[in-house]
Each structure stands twice: as C-alpha cells, then as structure tokens.
Amino acid sequence: MRLDKWLKLSRLIKRRTVANEACDAGKVTVGGRAVKASYDVKPGDVLSLTFGERTTTVKVLSVQEIVGKADAAGMYEEVR
C-alpha cells in the first residue's frame, strides 16, 4: 500500500493530499531516510513524521485496505 494512503487510513494525517505533501516536503522518513508518497509500506517499517517542532515515531503493525475508525489505531504503535 502507498505511504500516503496508509497515513490517511491510519488517521495519522487527516487527508491523503496532506499526506502526499508531507512526503514531498521530506517530513516523513522510513528507517531514517526521506521517502516519497509512493513508498510501499510493509509491516515492521518504522516511520517518523515531523510536524513543526513535534516528531512522532510509529511502527507499522498492519496494512489493510478497509479500516474502521475504531480499528485505525491498531495499524501502528508509537515508538519512544
């Protein structure tokens, strides 16, 4: 699954276009390197998202095409 679509489905970013722009601006990294929105997300990937001063690091647990609002948080776990 594309990174921008996964970010939207997991509800880490509200809209897919915003996720796409964040990837293009280099604000999303996988394993320490900036990636494009077309990056293929796999379980086990560690993503870092930078929003202003705040950086959120998450580990991908699952990649699903259809996710309900209640199950979205189960797609990842926060890493400290």
Protein backbone atom coordinates (compact mmCIF):
# COMPACT_ATOMS: atom_id res chain seq x y z
CA MET A 1 0.00 0.00 0.00
CA ARG A 2 1.21 3.50 -0.78
CA LEU A 3 2.54 5.52 2.14
CA ASP A 4 0.16 8.46 1.65
CA LYS A 5 -2.85 6.13 1.60
CA TRP A 6 -1.63 4.27 4.72
CA LEU A 7 -1.14 7.55 6.62
CA LYS A 8 -4.73 8.55 5.81
CA LEU A 9 -6.24 5.15 6.70
CA SER A 10 -4.33 5.02 10.00
CA ARG A 11 -5.62 8.54 10.69
CA LEU A 12 -2.15 9.88 11.49
CA ILE A 13 -2.83 12.50 8.80
CA LYS A 14 -6.38 13.61 8.05
CA ARG A 15 -6.30 13.84 4.25
CA ARG A 16 -4.39 11.95 1.58
CA THR A 17 -3.37 15.15 -0.22
CA VAL A 18 -1.86 16.49 3.01
CA ALA A 19 -0.01 13.18 3.47
CA ASN A 20 1.27 13.44 -0.09
CA GLU A 21 2.52 17.00 0.50
CA ALA A 22 4.23 15.97 3.78
CA CYS A 23 6.08 13.19 1.94
CA ASP A 24 7.14 15.57 -0.85
CA ALA A 25 8.45 18.06 1.75
CA GLY A 26 10.62 15.37 3.39
CA LYS A 27 8.65 15.38 6.64
CA VAL A 28 8.11 11.60 6.57
CA THR A 29 11.03 9.21 6.91
CA VAL A 30 11.27 5.42 6.94
CA GLY A 31 14.29 3.98 8.68
CA GLY A 32 15.93 7.40 8.79
CA ARG A 33 15.64 8.30 5.11
CA ALA A 34 13.07 10.52 3.43
CA VAL A 35 10.67 8.67 1.16
CA LYS A 36 8.13 9.57 -1.49
CA ALA A 37 4.37 9.12 -1.14
CA SER A 38 4.57 6.11 -3.47
CA TYR A 39 6.74 4.15 -0.99
CA ASP A 40 5.30 0.66 -0.38
CA VAL A 41 4.53 0.37 3.35
CA LYS A 42 5.17 -3.03 4.96
CA PRO A 43 4.52 -4.31 8.49
CA GLY A 44 7.61 -3.68 10.62
CA ASP A 45 8.52 -0.34 8.98
CA VAL A 46 9.39 2.45 11.42
CA LEU A 47 8.01 5.81 10.28
CA SER A 48 8.93 9.25 11.64
CA LEU A 49 6.57 12.14 10.98
CA THR A 50 7.65 15.71 11.69
CA PHE A 51 5.01 18.36 12.35
CA GLY A 52 6.62 21.67 13.29
CA GLU A 53 8.61 21.05 16.49
CA ARG A 54 6.99 17.68 17.19
CA THR A 55 8.21 14.35 15.80
CA THR A 56 6.10 11.21 16.05
CA THR A 57 7.68 7.81 15.51
CA VAL A 58 5.46 4.81 14.84
CA LYS A 59 5.96 1.16 13.91
CA VAL A 60 3.64 -0.27 11.24
CA LEU A 61 1.75 -3.27 12.59
CA SER A 62 -0.67 -3.93 9.75
CA VAL A 63 -1.57 -2.83 6.25
CA GLN A 64 -5.30 -3.11 5.50
CA GLU A 65 -7.34 -1.71 2.63
CA ILE A 66 -10.50 -1.14 4.69
CA VAL A 67 -10.25 0.11 8.27
CA GLY A 68 -12.94 1.42 10.59
CA LYS A 69 -12.41 4.42 12.79
CA ALA A 70 -12.15 2.26 15.94
CA ASP A 71 -9.54 -0.05 14.37
CA ALA A 72 -7.31 2.66 12.86
CA ALA A 73 -5.10 2.98 15.95
CA GLY A 74 -4.39 -0.75 15.76
CA MET A 75 -2.49 -0.30 12.50
CA TYR A 76 0.52 1.13 14.32
CA GLU A 77 2.19 1.51 17.70
CA GLU A 78 4.05 4.56 18.94
CA VAL A 79 7.77 4.12 19.49
CA ARG A 80 9.59 6.27 22.04
